[in-house]
Amino acid sequence: MKMIRAMVRPEAADTITEGLAEAGFYSLTKMHVFGRGKQKGIKIGDVHYDELPKVMIMVVVKEDAVDEVISAIKTNAYTGNFGDGKIFVTPVDASYTVRTGEKGI
């Protein structure tokens, strides 16, 4: 299993989750977060915004589905401008359903 974490623009989050659902990926976690990338924030006039609002979308999938999830995220998050987001993929050793104790996705 792999966990995919995508930090994306807040205005793209709903489009991304809809795109994931259309691709058959319904289970996800979505959180509002703040951060900055290579540009170290943004400056508008005299005001420097060090950390910008983002949405983190987390999805755990089987390894054979990783490319499909990444493609859905990239397609729906892309504007071509700085700050479109970043995607991280990490291994997941195990998962358990709290209610049933069942192991696995």
N, C-alpha and C. Protein backbone atom coordinates (compact mmCIF):
# COMPACT_ATOMS: atom_id res chain seq x y z
N MET A 1 0.84 -1.18 0.00
CA MET A 1 0.00 0.00 0.00
C MET A 1 0.89 1.24 0.00
N LYS A 2 0.33 2.31 -0.54
CA LYS A 2 1.02 3.60 -0.58
C LYS A 2 0.08 4.69 -0.10
N MET A 3 0.65 5.67 0.61
CA MET A 3 -0.10 6.86 0.97
C MET A 3 0.33 7.98 0.05
N ILE A 4 -0.65 8.63 -0.54
CA ILE A 4 -0.41 9.77 -1.42
C ILE A 4 -0.92 11.00 -0.69
N ARG A 5 -0.01 11.96 -0.50
CA ARG A 5 -0.38 13.23 0.13
C ARG A 5 -0.17 14.32 -0.92
N ALA A 6 -1.22 15.07 -1.18
CA ALA A 6 -1.14 16.16 -2.16
C ALA A 6 -1.47 17.47 -1.47
N MET A 7 -0.53 18.44 -1.53
CA MET A 7 -0.77 19.80 -1.03
C MET A 7 -1.16 20.62 -2.25
N VAL A 8 -2.38 21.13 -2.25
CA VAL A 8 -2.91 21.80 -3.44
C VAL A 8 -3.59 23.12 -3.07
N ARG A 9 -3.88 23.89 -4.10
CA ARG A 9 -4.61 25.15 -3.91
C ARG A 9 -6.01 24.84 -3.36
N PRO A 10 -6.49 25.64 -2.40
CA PRO A 10 -7.83 25.39 -1.85
C PRO A 10 -8.94 25.40 -2.90
N GLU A 11 -8.79 26.26 -3.90
CA GLU A 11 -9.85 26.35 -4.93
C GLU A 11 -9.87 25.13 -5.85
N ALA A 12 -8.81 24.32 -5.82
CA ALA A 12 -8.76 23.11 -6.66
C ALA A 12 -9.19 21.86 -5.91
N ALA A 13 -9.32 21.93 -4.59
CA ALA A 13 -9.57 20.74 -3.77
C ALA A 13 -10.85 20.00 -4.15
N ASP A 14 -11.95 20.71 -4.35
CA ASP A 14 -13.21 20.04 -4.69
C ASP A 14 -13.13 19.38 -6.07
N THR A 15 -12.50 20.05 -7.01
CA THR A 15 -12.34 19.47 -8.35
C THR A 15 -11.49 18.20 -8.28
N ILE A 16 -10.46 18.23 -7.46
CA ILE A 16 -9.60 17.06 -7.30
C ILE A 16 -10.37 15.90 -6.68
N THR A 17 -11.11 16.17 -5.60
CA THR A 17 -11.85 15.08 -4.96
C THR A 17 -12.93 14.52 -5.88
N GLU A 18 -13.55 15.37 -6.69
CA GLU A 18 -14.52 14.88 -7.68
C GLU A 18 -13.83 14.02 -8.73
N GLY A 19 -12.64 14.44 -9.18
CA GLY A 19 -11.88 13.66 -10.16
C GLY A 19 -11.46 12.32 -9.60
N LEU A 20 -11.07 12.28 -8.31
CA LEU A 20 -10.72 11.01 -7.68
C LEU A 20 -11.93 10.09 -7.59
N ALA A 21 -13.09 10.67 -7.25
CA ALA A 21 -14.31 9.87 -7.16
C ALA A 21 -14.70 9.31 -8.53
N GLU A 22 -14.57 10.11 -9.57
CA GLU A 22 -14.87 9.63 -10.92
C GLU A 22 -13.95 8.49 -11.33
N ALA A 23 -12.71 8.50 -10.80
CA ALA A 23 -11.75 7.44 -11.10
C ALA A 23 -11.95 6.23 -10.19
N GLY A 24 -12.90 6.32 -9.25
CA GLY A 24 -13.21 5.19 -8.38
C GLY A 24 -12.54 5.22 -7.02
N PHE A 25 -11.94 6.35 -6.66
CA PHE A 25 -11.27 6.48 -5.37
C PHE A 25 -12.10 7.40 -4.48
N TYR A 26 -12.89 6.80 -3.58
CA TYR A 26 -13.82 7.56 -2.76
C TYR A 26 -13.28 7.87 -1.36
N SER A 27 -12.43 7.01 -0.82
CA SER A 27 -11.92 7.19 0.55
C SER A 27 -10.73 8.12 0.52
N LEU A 28 -10.83 9.21 1.27
CA LEU A 28 -9.73 10.17 1.36
C LEU A 28 -9.89 11.00 2.60
N THR A 29 -8.85 11.71 2.94
CA THR A 29 -8.88 12.67 4.04
C THR A 29 -8.46 14.01 3.47
N LYS A 30 -9.17 15.06 3.88
CA LYS A 30 -8.88 16.40 3.37
C LYS A 30 -8.72 17.33 4.57
N MET A 31 -7.58 18.06 4.61
CA MET A 31 -7.31 18.97 5.72
C MET A 31 -6.85 20.32 5.19
N HIS A 32 -7.25 21.37 5.88
CA HIS A 32 -6.77 22.70 5.55
C HIS A 32 -5.44 22.91 6.28
N VAL A 33 -4.41 23.30 5.52
CA VAL A 33 -3.07 23.48 6.07
C VAL A 33 -2.49 24.79 5.54
N PHE A 34 -1.32 25.16 6.06
CA PHE A 34 -0.60 26.34 5.59
C PHE A 34 0.83 25.94 5.28
N GLY A 35 1.42 26.56 4.28
CA GLY A 35 2.81 26.26 3.97
C GLY A 35 3.35 27.17 2.89
N ARG A 36 4.58 26.86 2.50
CA ARG A 36 5.21 27.63 1.43
C ARG A 36 6.11 26.70 0.66
N GLY A 37 6.38 27.06 -0.57
CA GLY A 37 7.23 26.26 -1.43
C GLY A 37 8.54 26.96 -1.71
N LYS A 38 9.07 26.69 -2.89
CA LYS A 38 10.37 27.24 -3.28
C LYS A 38 10.37 28.76 -3.33
N GLN A 39 9.20 29.35 -3.59
CA GLN A 39 9.13 30.81 -3.71
C GLN A 39 9.18 31.51 -2.36
N LYS A 40 9.11 30.76 -1.26
CA LYS A 40 9.16 31.30 0.10
C LYS A 40 8.02 32.28 0.35
N GLY A 41 6.84 31.94 -0.10
CA GLY A 41 5.69 32.80 0.10
C GLY A 41 5.43 33.67 -1.11
N ILE A 42 4.69 34.74 -0.87
CA ILE A 42 4.34 35.65 -1.96
C ILE A 42 4.34 37.08 -1.42
N LYS A 43 4.75 38.03 -2.25
CA LYS A 43 4.75 39.43 -1.84
C LYS A 43 3.76 40.19 -2.71
N ILE A 44 2.83 40.87 -2.05
CA ILE A 44 1.84 41.69 -2.74
C ILE A 44 1.98 43.10 -2.19
N GLY A 45 2.50 43.99 -3.02
CA GLY A 45 2.80 45.35 -2.55
C GLY A 45 3.89 45.30 -1.50
N ASP A 46 3.63 45.89 -0.35
CA ASP A 46 4.61 45.88 0.74
C ASP A 46 4.40 44.71 1.70
N VAL A 47 3.37 43.91 1.47
CA VAL A 47 3.04 42.82 2.39
C VAL A 47 3.61 41.50 1.88
N HIS A 48 4.33 40.79 2.76
CA HIS A 48 4.88 39.49 2.42
C HIS A 48 4.06 38.41 3.16
N TYR A 49 3.46 37.51 2.40
CA TYR A 49 2.72 36.40 2.97
C TYR A 49 3.64 35.19 2.98
N ASP A 50 4.11 34.84 4.18
CA ASP A 50 5.11 33.80 4.33
C ASP A 50 4.52 32.40 4.14
N GLU A 51 3.34 32.18 4.67
CA GLU A 51 2.69 30.87 4.55
C GLU A 51 1.33 31.06 3.90
N LEU A 52 1.06 30.23 2.91
CA LEU A 52 -0.18 30.34 2.15
C LEU A 52 -1.13 29.20 2.47
N PRO A 53 -2.43 29.44 2.39
CA PRO A 53 -3.38 28.35 2.65
C PRO A 53 -3.31 27.31 1.54
N LYS A 54 -3.35 26.06 1.95
CA LYS A 54 -3.38 24.91 1.04
C LYS A 54 -4.37 23.90 1.59
N VAL A 55 -4.69 22.91 0.80
CA VAL A 55 -5.48 21.78 1.27
C VAL A 55 -4.63 20.54 1.05
N MET A 56 -4.54 19.70 2.09
CA MET A 56 -3.82 18.44 1.96
C MET A 56 -4.85 17.33 1.78
N ILE A 57 -4.69 16.61 0.69
CA ILE A 57 -5.56 15.46 0.40
C ILE A 57 -4.71 14.21 0.58
N MET A 58 -5.19 13.29 1.42
CA MET A 58 -4.46 12.04 1.67
C MET A 58 -5.31 10.87 1.20
N VAL A 59 -4.68 9.98 0.45
CA VAL A 59 -5.35 8.79 -0.08
C VAL A 59 -4.40 7.61 0.11
N VAL A 60 -4.92 6.48 0.61
CA VAL A 60 -4.13 5.26 0.69
C VAL A 60 -4.70 4.29 -0.33
N VAL A 61 -3.81 3.78 -1.19
CA VAL A 61 -4.24 2.89 -2.27
C VAL A 61 -3.26 1.73 -2.41
N LYS A 62 -3.69 0.72 -3.14
CA LYS A 62 -2.79 -0.38 -3.48
C LYS A 62 -1.76 0.15 -4.48
N GLU A 63 -0.60 -0.48 -4.51
CA GLU A 63 0.51 0.03 -5.32
C GLU A 63 0.17 0.16 -6.80
N ASP A 64 -0.68 -0.71 -7.31
CA ASP A 64 -0.99 -0.65 -8.74
C ASP A 64 -1.92 0.52 -9.10
N ALA A 65 -2.43 1.23 -8.10
CA ALA A 65 -3.33 2.36 -8.36
C ALA A 65 -2.65 3.72 -8.20
N VAL A 66 -1.39 3.72 -7.78
CA VAL A 66 -0.69 4.98 -7.49
C VAL A 66 -0.65 5.91 -8.70
N ASP A 67 -0.26 5.40 -9.86
CA ASP A 67 -0.15 6.25 -11.05
C ASP A 67 -1.49 6.86 -11.45
N GLU A 68 -2.56 6.09 -11.29
CA GLU A 68 -3.89 6.60 -11.65
C GLU A 68 -4.32 7.73 -10.72
N VAL A 69 -4.05 7.58 -9.42
CA VAL A 69 -4.40 8.62 -8.45
C VAL A 69 -3.57 9.88 -8.71
N ILE A 70 -2.29 9.72 -8.93
CA ILE A 70 -1.42 10.87 -9.20
C ILE A 70 -1.88 11.60 -10.47
N SER A 71 -2.24 10.84 -11.48
CA SER A 71 -2.72 11.45 -12.72
C SER A 71 -3.99 12.26 -12.49
N ALA A 72 -4.92 11.71 -11.71
CA ALA A 72 -6.17 12.42 -11.41
C ALA A 72 -5.90 13.70 -10.64
N ILE A 73 -4.98 13.66 -9.69
CA ILE A 73 -4.65 14.85 -8.92
C ILE A 73 -3.99 15.90 -9.81
N LYS A 74 -2.98 15.49 -10.57
CA LYS A 74 -2.27 16.43 -11.43
C LYS A 74 -3.19 17.07 -12.46
N THR A 75 -4.05 16.28 -13.06
CA THR A 75 -4.97 16.80 -14.08
C THR A 75 -5.89 17.86 -13.51
N ASN A 76 -6.39 17.63 -12.29
CA ASN A 76 -7.37 18.53 -11.70
C ASN A 76 -6.76 19.67 -10.90
N ALA A 77 -5.47 19.61 -10.58
CA ALA A 77 -4.82 20.67 -9.80
C ALA A 77 -4.06 21.66 -10.67
N TYR A 78 -3.79 21.31 -11.91
CA TYR A 78 -2.90 22.09 -12.76
C TYR A 78 -3.50 23.43 -13.20
N THR A 79 -2.73 24.52 -12.96
CA THR A 79 -3.07 25.82 -13.54
C THR A 79 -1.89 26.33 -14.37
N GLY A 80 -0.70 25.77 -14.12
CA GLY A 80 0.50 26.22 -14.80
C GLY A 80 1.22 27.34 -14.08
N ASN A 81 0.70 27.73 -12.92
CA ASN A 81 1.31 28.82 -12.14
C ASN A 81 2.03 28.26 -10.92
N PHE A 82 2.93 29.08 -10.34
CA PHE A 82 3.56 28.71 -9.09
C PHE A 82 2.49 28.42 -8.06
N GLY A 83 2.73 27.42 -7.22
CA GLY A 83 1.80 27.13 -6.13
C GLY A 83 0.73 26.13 -6.46
N ASP A 84 0.82 25.46 -7.62
CA ASP A 84 -0.17 24.44 -7.96
C ASP A 84 -0.17 23.29 -6.96
N GLY A 85 0.97 22.99 -6.36
CA GLY A 85 1.01 21.98 -5.32
C GLY A 85 2.16 21.02 -5.44
N LYS A 86 2.15 20.05 -4.55
CA LYS A 86 3.19 19.04 -4.48
C LYS A 86 2.53 17.73 -4.05
N ILE A 87 3.04 16.61 -4.59
CA ILE A 87 2.51 15.29 -4.27
C ILE A 87 3.63 14.45 -3.68
N PHE A 88 3.34 13.80 -2.56
CA PHE A 88 4.30 12.92 -1.91
C PHE A 88 3.71 11.51 -1.85
N VAL A 89 4.53 10.51 -2.12
CA VAL A 89 4.10 9.11 -2.06
C VAL A 89 5.01 8.39 -1.06
N THR A 90 4.39 7.74 -0.06
CA THR A 90 5.14 7.02 0.96
C THR A 90 4.54 5.64 1.17
N PRO A 91 5.35 4.69 1.64
CA PRO A 91 4.83 3.35 1.89
C PRO A 91 3.95 3.32 3.15
N VAL A 92 2.99 2.40 3.14
CA VAL A 92 2.13 2.14 4.30
C VAL A 92 2.32 0.68 4.66
N ASP A 93 2.77 0.42 5.87
CA ASP A 93 3.02 -0.96 6.30
C ASP A 93 1.74 -1.73 6.58
N ALA A 94 0.76 -1.06 7.17
CA ALA A 94 -0.49 -1.74 7.51
C ALA A 94 -1.58 -0.72 7.74
N SER A 95 -2.81 -1.16 7.64
CA SER A 95 -3.96 -0.32 7.99
C SER A 95 -5.01 -1.20 8.66
N TYR A 96 -5.77 -0.61 9.56
CA TYR A 96 -6.79 -1.34 10.30
C TYR A 96 -8.06 -0.51 10.36
N THR A 97 -9.20 -1.15 10.26
CA THR A 97 -10.47 -0.49 10.45
C THR A 97 -10.79 -0.55 11.94
N VAL A 98 -10.99 0.59 12.57
CA VAL A 98 -11.19 0.66 14.00
C VAL A 98 -12.44 -0.13 14.41
N ARG A 99 -13.54 0.06 13.69
CA ARG A 99 -14.81 -0.56 14.09
C ARG A 99 -14.75 -2.08 14.06
N THR A 100 -14.16 -2.65 13.01
CA THR A 100 -14.17 -4.11 12.84
C THR A 100 -12.86 -4.78 13.20
N GLY A 101 -11.79 -4.01 13.27
CA GLY A 101 -10.48 -4.59 13.51
C GLY A 101 -9.88 -5.22 12.26
N GLU A 102 -10.57 -5.11 11.14
CA GLU A 102 -10.11 -5.71 9.88
C GLU A 102 -8.81 -5.05 9.43
N LYS A 103 -7.86 -5.88 8.95
CA LYS A 103 -6.60 -5.38 8.45
C LYS A 103 -6.68 -5.22 6.95
N GLY A 104 -6.07 -4.14 6.41
CA GLY A 104 -6.06 -3.91 4.96
C GLY A 104 -6.93 -2.73 4.59
N ILE A 105 -6.86 -2.37 3.32
CA ILE A 105 -7.63 -1.21 2.81
C ILE A 105 -9.11 -1.54 2.82
